[in-house]
Structure formats: structure tokens, C-alpha cells
Amino acid sequence: MKLIIKDRGMGKTTQLIHISEATGYPIVVAYKTMIDNIKSMATKLGCKIPEPVLVSDIVTGKTQYDNILVDEVTLDGVLKKALNNYFNSNVVACTCSPYVNIEAYYSLPKRNLTVSCD
């Protein structure tokens, strides 16, 4: 899994739209308004993507895909719910780093960034 970590307005969704067009994987979102926004952005970018899907449609089994792209995984507690379910515990905090091999990881410059997922 690839993590796309950037500040708001820095191109995360745009990057997902390009990945969706290249792979044919649908983008999964928390809210209906996000579907409309992604479709509008894709049109402006000239990208042809599959219809975006609601998280609730995946969770309830209304629709199923082998591969998906998730936009704003922290909205509506999606990440927290997934981690809690996976670990069968209440995950209070977690850390993550971009996907790198362990040798490269230890040579990266250190930054201090805390993000709330609530």
C-alpha cells in the first residue's frame, strides 16, 4: 500500500485521480459530496476514471472490488475503524512513514509531525 501524505490542497486527490485513470481502480470516499468533487476534478483534468464509491457501500457489501484507492482515509474514522477491527483493540495512536526499505529509512532526515485521526 502506498501512503500519499501531503497537506490540504497539495494534490493528494489529484494524484489519486491520475492513479485511478492509469489502473482502473475506483476511488473510495466517505461522503457523497466527495464523489461529486472527484468527478468534477477528473473532468477538469481530462481524466477518465471509474465511478467513485462510498465507503459505506464497500463496508456493507453493496459493492466489492479487488483493488481500491481511498481518498482522505482519516475522514469519518475510516482508518481508526479499520485498525481497531484489524487489531481487535482500540488503537489510540499510531505512526507511519512513507514506504521505504529499512536502510533508506534510517538515512532519511528526521521531521516531527503529529496528525490527529479523530
PDB file of N, CA and C in Angstrom:
ATOM      1  N   MET A   1       0.846  -1.173   0.000  1.00  0.00           N
ATOM      2  CA  MET A   1       0.000   0.000   0.000  1.00  0.00           C
ATOM      3  C   MET A   1       0.890   1.234   0.000  1.00  0.00           C
ATOM      4  N   LYS A   2       0.534   2.194  -0.800  1.00  0.00           N
ATOM      5  CA  LYS A   2       1.263   3.450  -0.884  1.00  0.00           C
ATOM      6  C   LYS A   2       0.520   4.506  -0.065  1.00  0.00           C
ATOM      7  N   LEU A   3       1.235   5.232   0.780  1.00  0.00           N
ATOM      8  CA  LEU A   3       0.649   6.339   1.527  1.00  0.00           C
ATOM      9  C   LEU A   3       0.999   7.635   0.813  1.00  0.00           C
ATOM     10  N   ILE A   4      -0.004   8.435   0.530  1.00  0.00           N
ATOM     11  CA  ILE A   4       0.216   9.759  -0.072  1.00  0.00           C
ATOM     12  C   ILE A   4      -0.060  10.765   1.029  1.00  0.00           C
ATOM     13  N   ILE A   5       1.000  11.337   1.567  1.00  0.00           N
ATOM     14  CA  ILE A   5       0.877  12.227   2.719  1.00  0.00           C
ATOM     15  C   ILE A   5       1.319  13.622   2.304  1.00  0.00           C
ATOM     16  N   LYS A   6       0.363  14.527   2.236  1.00  0.00           N
ATOM     17  CA  LYS A   6       0.624  15.918   1.883  1.00  0.00           C
ATOM     18  C   LYS A   6      -0.390  16.782   2.624  1.00  0.00           C
ATOM     19  N   ASP A   7      -0.102  18.057   2.747  1.00  0.00           N
ATOM     20  CA  ASP A   7      -1.053  18.984   3.357  1.00  0.00           C
ATOM     21  C   ASP A   7      -2.280  19.153   2.463  1.00  0.00           C
ATOM     22  N   ARG A   8      -3.353  19.733   3.037  1.00  0.00           N
ATOM     23  CA  ARG A   8      -4.572  20.024   2.269  1.00  0.00           C
ATOM     24  C   ARG A   8      -4.232  20.916   1.081  1.00  0.00           C
ATOM     25  N   GLY A   9      -4.842  20.603  -0.049  1.00  0.00           N
ATOM     26  CA  GLY A   9      -4.678  21.425  -1.236  1.00  0.00           C
ATOM     27  C   GLY A   9      -3.353  21.242  -1.964  1.00  0.00           C
ATOM     28  N   MET A  10      -2.611  20.191  -1.625  1.00  0.00           N
ATOM     29  CA  MET A  10      -1.305  19.988  -2.242  1.00  0.00           C
ATOM     30  C   MET A  10      -1.295  18.878  -3.300  1.00  0.00           C
ATOM     31  N   GLY A  11      -2.471  18.351  -3.664  1.00  0.00           N
ATOM     32  CA  GLY A  11      -2.534  17.424  -4.787  1.00  0.00           C
ATOM     33  C   GLY A  11      -2.736  15.954  -4.482  1.00  0.00           C
ATOM     34  N   LYS A  12      -3.157  15.610  -3.264  1.00  0.00           N
ATOM     35  CA  LYS A  12      -3.383  14.197  -2.944  1.00  0.00           C
ATOM     36  C   LYS A  12      -4.486  13.601  -3.813  1.00  0.00           C
ATOM     37  N   THR A  13      -5.619  14.267  -3.871  1.00  0.00           N
ATOM     38  CA  THR A  13      -6.753  13.752  -4.653  1.00  0.00           C
ATOM     39  C   THR A  13      -6.423  13.760  -6.138  1.00  0.00           C
ATOM     40  N   THR A  14      -5.743  14.796  -6.597  1.00  0.00           N
ATOM     41  CA  THR A  14      -5.326  14.853  -7.999  1.00  0.00           C
ATOM     42  C   THR A  14      -4.443  13.654  -8.331  1.00  0.00           C
ATOM     43  N   GLN A  15      -3.528  13.334  -7.436  1.00  0.00           N
ATOM     44  CA  GLN A  15      -2.657  12.178  -7.644  1.00  0.00           C
ATOM     45  C   GLN A  15      -3.475  10.890  -7.693  1.00  0.00           C
ATOM     46  N   LEU A  16      -4.470  10.753  -6.804  1.00  0.00           N
ATOM     47  CA  LEU A  16      -5.330   9.567  -6.824  1.00  0.00           C
ATOM     48  C   LEU A  16      -6.108   9.468  -8.134  1.00  0.00           C
ATOM     49  N   ILE A  17      -6.572  10.594  -8.636  1.00  0.00           N
ATOM     50  CA  ILE A  17      -7.312  10.600  -9.901  1.00  0.00           C
ATOM     51  C   ILE A  17      -6.420  10.064 -11.025  1.00  0.00           C
ATOM     52  N   HIS A  18      -5.186  10.495 -11.066  1.00  0.00           N
ATOM     53  CA  HIS A  18      -4.256  10.002 -12.095  1.00  0.00           C
ATOM     54  C   HIS A  18      -3.968   8.511 -11.907  1.00  0.00           C
ATOM     55  N   ILE A  19      -3.831   8.058 -10.673  1.00  0.00           N
ATOM     56  CA  ILE A  19      -3.623   6.637 -10.404  1.00  0.00           C
ATOM     57  C   ILE A  19      -4.855   5.845 -10.823  1.00  0.00           C
ATOM     58  N   SER A  20      -6.041   6.377 -10.516  1.00  0.00           N
ATOM     59  CA  SER A  20      -7.290   5.714 -10.884  1.00  0.00           C
ATOM     60  C   SER A  20      -7.406   5.567 -12.402  1.00  0.00           C
ATOM     61  N   GLU A  21      -7.065   6.633 -13.115  1.00  0.00           N
ATOM     62  CA  GLU A  21      -7.133   6.570 -14.576  1.00  0.00           C
ATOM     63  C   GLU A  21      -6.150   5.525 -15.116  1.00  0.00           C
ATOM     64  N   ALA A  22      -4.949   5.486 -14.558  1.00  0.00           N
ATOM     65  CA  ALA A  22      -3.921   4.562 -15.040  1.00  0.00           C
ATOM     66  C   ALA A  22      -4.225   3.100 -14.712  1.00  0.00           C
ATOM     67  N   THR A  23      -4.855   2.860 -13.555  1.00  0.00           N
ATOM     68  CA  THR A  23      -5.074   1.487 -13.091  1.00  0.00           C
ATOM     69  C   THR A  23      -6.485   0.964 -13.310  1.00  0.00           C
ATOM     70  N   GLY A  24      -7.454   1.892 -13.403  1.00  0.00           N
ATOM     71  CA  GLY A  24      -8.854   1.480 -13.476  1.00  0.00           C
ATOM     72  C   GLY A  24      -9.447   1.175 -12.115  1.00  0.00           C
ATOM     73  N   TYR A  25      -8.715   1.465 -11.022  1.00  0.00           N
ATOM     74  CA  TYR A  25      -9.219   1.229  -9.679  1.00  0.00           C
ATOM     75  C   TYR A  25     -10.120   2.392  -9.269  1.00  0.00           C
ATOM     76  N   PRO A  26     -11.260   2.099  -8.628  1.00  0.00           N
ATOM     77  CA  PRO A  26     -12.141   3.181  -8.185  1.00  0.00           C
ATOM     78  C   PRO A  26     -11.600   3.881  -6.943  1.00  0.00           C
ATOM     79  N   ILE A  27     -11.968   5.144  -6.798  1.00  0.00           N
ATOM     80  CA  ILE A  27     -11.621   5.921  -5.607  1.00  0.00           C
ATOM     81  C   ILE A  27     -12.782   5.822  -4.627  1.00  0.00           C
ATOM     82  N   VAL A  28     -12.458   5.450  -3.383  1.00  0.00           N
ATOM     83  CA  VAL A  28     -13.462   5.287  -2.336  1.00  0.00           C
ATOM     84  C   VAL A  28     -13.409   6.515  -1.424  1.00  0.00           C
ATOM     85  N   VAL A  29     -14.586   7.058  -1.109  1.00  0.00           N
ATOM     86  CA  VAL A  29     -14.680   8.280  -0.308  1.00  0.00           C
ATOM     87  C   VAL A  29     -15.722   8.127   0.798  1.00  0.00           C
ATOM     88  N   ALA A  30     -15.634   9.005   1.795  1.00  0.00           N
ATOM     89  CA  ALA A  30     -16.540   8.936   2.941  1.00  0.00           C
ATOM     90  C   ALA A  30     -17.909   9.551   2.669  1.00  0.00           C
ATOM     91  N   TYR A  31     -17.964  10.586   1.821  1.00  0.00           N
ATOM     92  CA  TYR A  31     -19.209  11.337   1.653  1.00  0.00           C
ATOM     93  C   TYR A  31     -19.571  11.522   0.188  1.00  0.00           C
ATOM     94  N   LYS A  32     -20.871  11.602  -0.086  1.00  0.00           N
ATOM     95  CA  LYS A  32     -21.382  11.798  -1.448  1.00  0.00           C
ATOM     96  C   LYS A  32     -20.818  13.067  -2.083  1.00  0.00           C
ATOM     97  N   THR A  33     -20.675  14.129  -1.317  1.00  0.00           N
ATOM     98  CA  THR A  33     -20.142  15.378  -1.878  1.00  0.00           C
ATOM     99  C   THR A  33     -18.725  15.182  -2.412  1.00  0.00           C
ATOM    100  N   MET A  34     -17.979  14.270  -1.810  1.00  0.00           N
ATOM    101  CA  MET A  34     -16.628  13.990  -2.278  1.00  0.00           C
ATOM    102  C   MET A  34     -16.658  13.294  -3.645  1.00  0.00           C
ATOM    103  N   ILE A  35     -17.677  12.476  -3.879  1.00  0.00           N
ATOM    104  CA  ILE A  35     -17.824  11.829  -5.187  1.00  0.00           C
ATOM    105  C   ILE A  35     -17.992  12.895  -6.262  1.00  0.00           C
ATOM    106  N   ASP A  36     -18.885  13.835  -5.998  1.00  0.00           N
ATOM    107  CA  ASP A  36     -19.130  14.912  -6.967  1.00  0.00           C
ATOM    108  C   ASP A  36     -17.864  15.725  -7.213  1.00  0.00           C
ATOM    109  N   ASN A  37     -17.113  16.008  -6.137  1.00  0.00           N
ATOM    110  CA  ASN A  37     -15.884  16.780  -6.256  1.00  0.00           C
ATOM    111  C   ASN A  37     -14.837  16.029  -7.100  1.00  0.00           C
ATOM    112  N   ILE A  38     -14.677  14.754  -6.851  1.00  0.00           N
ATOM    113  CA  ILE A  38     -13.701  13.959  -7.595  1.00  0.00           C
ATOM    114  C   ILE A  38     -14.082  13.858  -9.068  1.00  0.00           C
ATOM    115  N   LYS A  39     -15.357  13.660  -9.333  1.00  0.00           N
ATOM    116  CA  LYS A  39     -15.797  13.591 -10.734  1.00  0.00           C
ATOM    117  C   LYS A  39     -15.543  14.913 -11.448  1.00  0.00           C
ATOM    118  N   SER A  40     -15.807  16.015 -10.768  1.00  0.00           N
ATOM    119  CA  SER A  40     -15.568  17.337 -11.342  1.00  0.00           C
ATOM    120  C   SER A  40     -14.074  17.564 -11.586  1.00  0.00           C
ATOM    121  N   MET A  41     -13.251  17.198 -10.618  1.00  0.00           N
ATOM    122  CA  MET A  41     -11.803  17.347 -10.769  1.00  0.00           C
ATOM    123  C   MET A  41     -11.282  16.502 -11.926  1.00  0.00           C
ATOM    124  N   ALA A  42     -11.765  15.269 -12.022  1.00  0.00           N
ATOM    125  CA  ALA A  42     -11.320  14.373 -13.103  1.00  0.00           C
ATOM    126  C   ALA A  42     -11.675  14.958 -14.458  1.00  0.00           C
ATOM    127  N   THR A  43     -12.870  15.510 -14.574  1.00  0.00           N
ATOM    128  CA  THR A  43     -13.297  16.136 -15.828  1.00  0.00           C
ATOM    129  C   THR A  43     -12.385  17.311 -16.176  1.00  0.00           C
ATOM    130  N   LYS A  44     -12.100  18.164 -15.195  1.00  0.00           N
ATOM    131  CA  LYS A  44     -11.219  19.313 -15.429  1.00  0.00           C
ATOM    132  C   LYS A  44      -9.816  18.881 -15.830  1.00  0.00           C
ATOM    133  N   LEU A  45      -9.368  17.748 -15.283  1.00  0.00           N
ATOM    134  CA  LEU A  45      -8.040  17.236 -15.594  1.00  0.00           C
ATOM    135  C   LEU A  45      -8.013  16.447 -16.905  1.00  0.00           C
ATOM    136  N   GLY A  46      -9.211  16.184 -17.465  1.00  0.00           N
ATOM    137  CA  GLY A  46      -9.288  15.389 -18.681  1.00  0.00           C
ATOM    138  C   GLY A  46      -9.038  13.910 -18.442  1.00  0.00           C
ATOM    139  N   CYS A  47      -9.310  13.450 -17.223  1.00  0.00           N
ATOM    140  CA  CYS A  47      -9.074  12.053 -16.852  1.00  0.00           C
ATOM    141  C   CYS A  47     -10.371  11.256 -16.890  1.00  0.00           C
ATOM    142  N   LYS A  48     -10.283  10.053 -17.406  1.00  0.00           N
ATOM    143  CA  LYS A  48     -11.421   9.132 -17.410  1.00  0.00           C
ATOM    144  C   LYS A  48     -11.180   8.107 -16.299  1.00  0.00           C
ATOM    145  N   ILE A  49     -12.045   8.165 -15.274  1.00  0.00           N
ATOM    146  CA  ILE A  49     -11.887   7.278 -14.119  1.00  0.00           C
ATOM    147  C   ILE A  49     -13.170   6.496 -13.877  1.00  0.00           C
ATOM    148  N   PRO A  50     -13.063   5.366 -13.175  1.00  0.00           N
ATOM    149  CA  PRO A  50     -14.288   4.648 -12.780  1.00  0.00           C
ATOM    150  C   PRO A  50     -15.112   5.513 -11.828  1.00  0.00           C
ATOM    151  N   GLU A  51     -16.375   5.215 -11.725  1.00  0.00           N
ATOM    152  CA  GLU A  51     -17.260   5.928 -10.807  1.00  0.00           C
ATOM    153  C   GLU A  51     -16.723   5.797  -9.374  1.00  0.00           C
ATOM    154  N   PRO A  52     -16.507   6.923  -8.667  1.00  0.00           N
ATOM    155  CA  PRO A  52     -16.094   6.841  -7.261  1.00  0.00           C
ATOM    156  C   PRO A  52     -17.167   6.136  -6.421  1.00  0.00           C
ATOM    157  N   VAL A  53     -16.747   5.568  -5.303  1.00  0.00           N
ATOM    158  CA  VAL A  53     -17.607   4.717  -4.486  1.00  0.00           C
ATOM    159  C   VAL A  53     -17.593   5.206  -3.042  1.00  0.00           C
ATOM    160  N   LEU A  54     -18.711   5.059  -2.357  1.00  0.00           N
ATOM    161  CA  LEU A  54     -18.795   5.410  -0.936  1.00  0.00           C
ATOM    162  C   LEU A  54     -18.213   4.296  -0.061  1.00  0.00           C
ATOM    163  N   VAL A  55     -17.529   4.693   1.006  1.00  0.00           N
ATOM    164  CA  VAL A  55     -17.010   3.736   1.980  1.00  0.00           C
ATOM    165  C   VAL A  55     -18.141   2.827   2.451  1.00  0.00           C
ATOM    166  N   SER A  56     -19.297   3.413   2.750  1.00  0.00           N
ATOM    167  CA  SER A  56     -20.425   2.631   3.276  1.00  0.00           C
ATOM    168  C   SER A  56     -20.859   1.529   2.307  1.00  0.00           C
ATOM    169  N   ASP A  57     -20.723   1.758   1.007  1.00  0.00           N
ATOM    170  CA  ASP A  57     -21.086   0.727   0.031  1.00  0.00           C
ATOM    171  C   ASP A  57     -20.118  -0.459   0.067  1.00  0.00           C
ATOM    172  N   ILE A  58     -18.866  -0.192   0.378  1.00  0.00           N
ATOM    173  CA  ILE A  58     -17.869  -1.257   0.497  1.00  0.00           C
ATOM    174  C   ILE A  58     -18.096  -2.018   1.809  1.00  0.00           C
ATOM    175  N   VAL A  59     -18.246  -1.272   2.915  1.00  0.00           N
ATOM    176  CA  VAL A  59     -18.383  -1.868   4.239  1.00  0.00           C
ATOM    177  C   VAL A  59     -19.626  -2.742   4.344  1.00  0.00           C
ATOM    178  N   THR A  60     -20.737  -2.293   3.759  1.00  0.00           N
ATOM    179  CA  THR A  60     -21.986  -3.056   3.847  1.00  0.00           C
ATOM    180  C   THR A  60     -22.048  -4.197   2.834  1.00  0.00           C
ATOM    181  N   GLY A  61     -21.059  -4.268   1.950  1.00  0.00           N
ATOM    182  CA  GLY A  61     -21.042  -5.336   0.955  1.00  0.00           C
ATOM    183  C   GLY A  61     -21.875  -5.028  -0.272  1.00  0.00           C
ATOM    184  N   LYS A  62     -22.388  -3.807  -0.371  1.00  0.00           N
ATOM    185  CA  LYS A  62     -23.184  -3.419  -1.543  1.00  0.00           C
ATOM    186  C   LYS A  62     -22.359  -3.552  -2.815  1.00  0.00           C
ATOM    187  N   THR A  63     -21.075  -3.269  -2.696  1.00  0.00           N
ATOM    188  CA  THR A  63     -20.164  -3.401  -3.835  1.00  0.00           C
ATOM    189  C   THR A  63     -18.827  -3.929  -3.344  1.00  0.00           C
ATOM    190  N   GLN A  64     -18.097  -4.610  -4.201  1.00  0.00           N
ATOM    191  CA  GLN A  64     -16.820  -5.227  -3.831  1.00  0.00           C
ATOM    192  C   GLN A  64     -15.828  -5.059  -4.968  1.00  0.00           C
ATOM    193  N   TYR A  65     -14.599  -4.752  -4.631  1.00  0.00           N
ATOM    194  CA  TYR A  65     -13.532  -4.597  -5.625  1.00  0.00           C
ATOM    195  C   TYR A  65     -12.283  -5.296  -5.109  1.00  0.00           C
ATOM    196  N   ASP A  66     -11.468  -5.787  -6.005  1.00  0.00           N
ATOM    197  CA  ASP A  66     -10.191  -6.379  -5.609  1.00  0.00           C
ATOM    198  C   ASP A  66      -9.207  -5.306  -5.170  1.00  0.00           C
ATOM    199  N   ASN A  67      -9.234  -4.158  -5.845  1.00  0.00           N
ATOM    200  CA  ASN A  67      -8.307  -3.069  -5.553  1.00  0.00           C
ATOM    201  C   ASN A  67      -9.067  -1.744  -5.514  1.00  0.00           C
ATOM    202  N   ILE A  68      -8.759  -0.933  -4.520  1.00  0.00           N
ATOM    203  CA  ILE A  68      -9.389   0.382  -4.391  1.00  0.00           C
ATOM    204  C   ILE A  68      -8.347   1.425  -4.005  1.00  0.00           C
ATOM    205  N   LEU A  69      -8.686   2.671  -4.237  1.00  0.00           N
ATOM    206  CA  LEU A  69      -7.906   3.822  -3.796  1.00  0.00           C
ATOM    207  C   LEU A  69      -8.785   4.573  -2.808  1.00  0.00           C
ATOM    208  N   VAL A  70      -8.268   4.963  -1.665  1.00  0.00           N
ATOM    209  CA  VAL A  70      -9.077   5.629  -0.647  1.00  0.00           C
ATOM    210  C   VAL A  70      -8.615   7.077  -0.508  1.00  0.00           C
ATOM    211  N   ASP A  71      -9.549   8.011  -0.687  1.00  0.00           N
ATOM    212  CA  ASP A  71      -9.258   9.432  -0.539  1.00  0.00           C
ATOM    213  C   ASP A  71      -9.591   9.861   0.887  1.00  0.00           C
ATOM    214  N   GLU A  72      -8.675  10.541   1.527  1.00  0.00           N
ATOM    215  CA  GLU A  72      -8.857  11.064   2.896  1.00  0.00           C
ATOM    216  C   GLU A  72      -9.286   9.958   3.869  1.00  0.00           C
ATOM    217  N   VAL A  73      -8.384   9.017   4.075  1.00  0.00           N
ATOM    218  CA  VAL A  73      -8.659   7.837   4.890  1.00  0.00           C
ATOM    219  C   VAL A  73      -8.991   8.168   6.343  1.00  0.00           C
ATOM    220  N   THR A  74      -8.675   9.375   6.805  1.00  0.00           N
ATOM    221  CA  THR A  74      -8.980   9.721   8.196  1.00  0.00           C
ATOM    222  C   THR A  74     -10.390  10.277   8.384  1.00  0.00           C
ATOM    223  N   LEU A  75     -11.073  10.650   7.292  1.00  0.00           N
ATOM    224  CA  LEU A  75     -12.436  11.180   7.426  1.00  0.00           C
ATOM    225  C   LEU A  75     -13.390  10.094   7.887  1.00  0.00           C
ATOM    226  N   ASP A  76     -14.347  10.466   8.677  1.00  0.00           N
ATOM    227  CA  ASP A  76     -15.391   9.575   9.175  1.00  0.00           C
ATOM    228  C   ASP A  76     -14.813   8.390   9.948  1.00  0.00           C
ATOM    229  N   GLY A  77     -13.583   8.543  10.445  1.00  0.00           N
ATOM    230  CA  GLY A  77     -12.979   7.488  11.259  1.00  0.00           C
ATOM    231  C   GLY A  77     -12.636   6.216  10.508  1.00  0.00           C
ATOM    232  N   VAL A  78     -12.507   6.279   9.184  1.00  0.00           N
ATOM    233  CA  VAL A  78     -12.269   5.076   8.380  1.00  0.00           C
ATOM    234  C   VAL A  78     -11.002   4.348   8.826  1.00  0.00           C
ATOM    235  N   LEU A  79      -9.909   5.071   8.945  1.00  0.00           N
ATOM    236  CA  LEU A  79      -8.647   4.438   9.335  1.00  0.00           C
ATOM    237  C   LEU A  79      -8.725   3.869  10.749  1.00  0.00           C
ATOM    238  N   LYS A  80      -9.263   4.645  11.670  1.00  0.00           N
ATOM    239  CA  LYS A  80      -9.380   4.184  13.065  1.00  0.00           C
ATOM    240  C   LYS A  80     -10.241   2.923  13.150  1.00  0.00           C
ATOM    241  N   LYS A  81     -11.365   2.914  12.453  1.00  0.00           N
ATOM    242  CA  LYS A  81     -12.244   1.740  12.477  1.00  0.00           C
ATOM    243  C   LYS A  81     -11.536   0.518  11.902  1.00  0.00           C
ATOM    244  N   ALA A  82     -10.796   0.722  10.802  1.00  0.00           N
ATOM    245  CA  ALA A  82     -10.092  -0.395  10.172  1.00  0.00           C
ATOM    246  C   ALA A  82      -9.014  -0.957  11.097  1.00  0.00           C
ATOM    247  N   LEU A  83      -8.238  -0.066  11.712  1.00  0.00           N
ATOM    248  CA  LEU A  83      -7.188  -0.524  12.621  1.00  0.00           C
ATOM    249  C   LEU A  83      -7.774  -1.199  13.859  1.00  0.00           C
ATOM    250  N   ASN A  84      -8.828  -0.623  14.416  1.00  0.00           N
ATOM    251  CA  ASN A  84      -9.468  -1.245  15.572  1.00  0.00           C
ATOM    252  C   ASN A  84      -9.958  -2.645  15.229  1.00  0.00           C
ATOM    253  N   ASN A  85     -10.551  -2.790  14.070  1.00  0.00           N
ATOM    254  CA  ASN A  85     -11.051  -4.093  13.635  1.00  0.00           C
ATOM    255  C   ASN A  85      -9.894  -5.067  13.399  1.00  0.00           C
ATOM    256  N   TYR A  86      -8.842  -4.609  12.758  1.00  0.00           N
ATOM    257  CA  TYR A  86      -7.706  -5.457  12.445  1.00  0.00           C
ATOM    258  C   TYR A  86      -7.035  -5.972  13.720  1.00  0.00           C
ATOM    259  N   PHE A  87      -6.823  -5.075  14.691  1.00  0.00           N
ATOM    260  CA  PHE A  87      -6.144  -5.448  15.927  1.00  0.00           C
ATOM    261  C   PHE A  87      -7.096  -5.935  17.019  1.00  0.00           C
ATOM    262  N   ASN A  88      -8.394  -5.820  16.782  1.00  0.00           N
ATOM    263  CA  ASN A  88      -9.402  -6.167  17.779  1.00  0.00           C
ATOM    264  C   ASN A  88      -9.117  -5.447  19.099  1.00  0.00           C
ATOM    265  N   SER A  89      -8.722  -4.178  18.983  1.00  0.00           N
ATOM    266  CA  SER A  89      -8.411  -3.327  20.129  1.00  0.00           C
ATOM    267  C   SER A  89      -8.692  -1.888  19.733  1.00  0.00           C
ATOM    268  N   ASN A  90      -8.760  -1.017  20.735  1.00  0.00           N
ATOM    269  CA  ASN A  90      -8.903   0.402  20.459  1.00  0.00           C
ATOM    270  C   ASN A  90      -7.521   0.997  20.211  1.00  0.00           C
ATOM    271  N   VAL A  91      -7.222   1.321  18.967  1.00  0.00           N
ATOM    272  CA  VAL A  91      -5.937   1.920  18.633  1.00  0.00           C
ATOM    273  C   VAL A  91      -5.998   3.399  18.994  1.00  0.00           C
ATOM    274  N   VAL A  92      -5.182   3.821  19.924  1.00  0.00           N
ATOM    275  CA  VAL A  92      -5.193   5.192  20.434  1.00  0.00           C
ATOM    276  C   VAL A  92      -4.305   6.099  19.599  1.00  0.00           C
ATOM    277  N   ALA A  93      -3.169   5.602  19.169  1.00  0.00           N
ATOM    278  CA  ALA A  93      -2.240   6.389  18.350  1.00  0.00           C
ATOM    279  C   ALA A  93      -1.406   5.437  17.510  1.00  0.00           C
ATOM    280  N   CYS A  94      -0.933   5.920  16.394  1.00  0.00           N
ATOM    281  CA  CYS A  94      -0.065   5.112  15.546  1.00  0.00           C
ATOM    282  C   CYS A  94       0.855   6.038  14.763  1.00  0.00           C
ATOM    283  N   THR A  95       1.896   5.471  14.218  1.00  0.00           N
ATOM    284  CA  THR A  95       2.817   6.243  13.398  1.00  0.00           C
ATOM    285  C   THR A  95       2.921   5.592  12.026  1.00  0.00           C
ATOM    286  N   CYS A  96       3.414   6.340  11.070  1.00  0.00           N
ATOM    287  CA  CYS A  96       3.661   5.757   9.757  1.00  0.00           C
ATOM    288  C   CYS A  96       4.764   6.546   9.082  1.00  0.00           C
ATOM    289  N   SER A  97       5.443   5.885   8.183  1.00  0.00           N
ATOM    290  CA  SER A  97       6.471   6.515   7.361  1.00  0.00           C
ATOM    291  C   SER A  97       6.177   6.138   5.924  1.00  0.00           C
ATOM    292  N   PRO A  98       6.608   6.958   4.993  1.00  0.00           N
ATOM    293  CA  PRO A  98       6.448   6.564   3.594  1.00  0.00           C
ATOM    294  C   PRO A  98       7.117   5.211   3.372  1.00  0.00           C
ATOM    295  N   TYR A  99       6.651   4.447   2.404  1.00  0.00           N
ATOM    296  CA  TYR A  99       7.189   3.122   2.138  1.00  0.00           C
ATOM    297  C   TYR A  99       8.621   3.222   1.618  1.00  0.00           C
ATOM    298  N   VAL A 100       9.558   2.772   2.406  1.00  0.00           N
ATOM    299  CA  VAL A 100      10.967   2.747   2.017  1.00  0.00           C
ATOM    300  C   VAL A 100      11.593   1.495   2.614  1.00  0.00           C
ATOM    301  N   ASN A 101      12.723   1.061   2.050  1.00  0.00           N
ATOM    302  CA  ASN A 101      13.400  -0.070   2.668  1.00  0.00           C
ATOM    303  C   ASN A 101      14.082   0.398   3.947  1.00  0.00           C
ATOM    304  N   ILE A 102      14.434  -0.523   4.816  1.00  0.00           N
ATOM    305  CA  ILE A 102      14.898  -0.163   6.152  1.00  0.00           C
ATOM    306  C   ILE A 102      16.212   0.621   6.120  1.00  0.00           C
ATOM    307  N   GLU A 103      17.099   0.315   5.167  1.00  0.00           N
ATOM    308  CA  GLU A 103      18.360   1.050   5.075  1.00  0.00           C
ATOM    309  C   GLU A 103      18.084   2.512   4.696  1.00  0.00           C
ATOM    310  N   ALA A 104      17.213   2.704   3.729  1.00  0.00           N
ATOM    311  CA  ALA A 104      16.875   4.065   3.306  1.00  0.00           C
ATOM    312  C   ALA A 104      16.143   4.808   4.424  1.00  0.00           C
ATOM    313  N   TYR A 105      15.314   4.093   5.177  1.00  0.00           N
ATOM    314  CA  TYR A 105      14.558   4.711   6.264  1.00  0.00           C
ATOM    315  C   TYR A 105      15.492   5.383   7.268  1.00  0.00           C
ATOM    316  N   TYR A 106      16.523   4.685   7.677  1.00  0.00           N
ATOM    317  CA  TYR A 106      17.413   5.237   8.700  1.00  0.00           C
ATOM    318  C   TYR A 106      18.301   6.361   8.180  1.00  0.00           C
ATOM    319  N   SER A 107      18.381   6.535   6.861  1.00  0.00           N
ATOM    320  CA  SER A 107      19.183   7.629   6.317  1.00  0.00           C
ATOM    321  C   SER A 107      18.339   8.871   5.998  1.00  0.00           C
ATOM    322  N   LEU A 108      17.003   8.779   6.175  1.00  0.00           N
ATOM    323  CA  LEU A 108      16.129   9.920   5.900  1.00  0.00           C
ATOM    324  C   LEU A 108      16.294  11.004   6.958  1.00  0.00           C
ATOM    325  N   PRO A 109      16.123  12.288   6.560  1.00  0.00           N
ATOM    326  CA  PRO A 109      16.136  13.360   7.563  1.00  0.00           C
ATOM    327  C   PRO A 109      14.934  13.211   8.488  1.00  0.00           C
ATOM    328  N   LYS A 110      15.107  13.552   9.733  1.00  0.00           N
ATOM    329  CA  LYS A 110      14.040  13.405  10.727  1.00  0.00           C
ATOM    330  C   LYS A 110      13.165  14.645  10.761  1.00  0.00           C
ATOM    331  N   ARG A 111      11.829  14.428  10.858  1.00  0.00           N
ATOM    332  CA  ARG A 111      10.857  15.514  10.993  1.00  0.00           C
ATOM    333  C   ARG A 111       9.933  15.184  12.145  1.00  0.00           C
ATOM    334  N   ASN A 112       9.348  16.188  12.749  1.00  0.00           N
ATOM    335  CA  ASN A 112       8.424  15.988  13.856  1.00  0.00           C
ATOM    336  C   ASN A 112       7.054  16.468  13.414  1.00  0.00           C
ATOM    337  N   LEU A 113       6.142  15.532  13.128  1.00  0.00           N
ATOM    338  CA  LEU A 113       4.808  15.870  12.653  1.00  0.00           C
ATOM    339  C   LEU A 113       3.797  14.977  13.356  1.00  0.00           C
ATOM    340  N   THR A 114       2.811  15.565  13.985  1.00  0.00           N
ATOM    341  CA  THR A 114       1.755  14.809  14.656  1.00  0.00           C
ATOM    342  C   THR A 114       0.438  15.157  13.991  1.00  0.00           C
ATOM    343  N   VAL A 115      -0.331  14.133  13.633  1.00  0.00           N
ATOM    344  CA  VAL A 115      -1.614  14.331  12.965  1.00  0.00           C
ATOM    345  C   VAL A 115      -2.679  13.600  13.742  1.00  0.00           C
ATOM    346  N   SER A 116      -3.793  14.246  14.018  1.00  0.00           N
ATOM    347  CA  SER A 116      -4.905  13.602  14.706  1.00  0.00           C
ATOM    348  C   SER A 116      -5.809  12.941  13.690  1.00  0.00           C
ATOM    349  N   CYS A 117      -6.237  11.729  13.956  1.00  0.00           N
ATOM    350  CA  CYS A 117      -7.110  10.985  13.050  1.00  0.00           C
ATOM    351  C   CYS A 117      -8.546  10.918  13.561  1.00  0.00           C
ATOM    352  N   ASP A 118      -8.872  11.715  14.559  1.00  0.00           N
ATOM    353  CA  ASP A 118     -10.236  11.683  15.114  1.00  0.00           C
ATOM    354  C   ASP A 118     -11.169  12.556  14.315  1.00  0.00           C
TER     355      ASP A 118
END
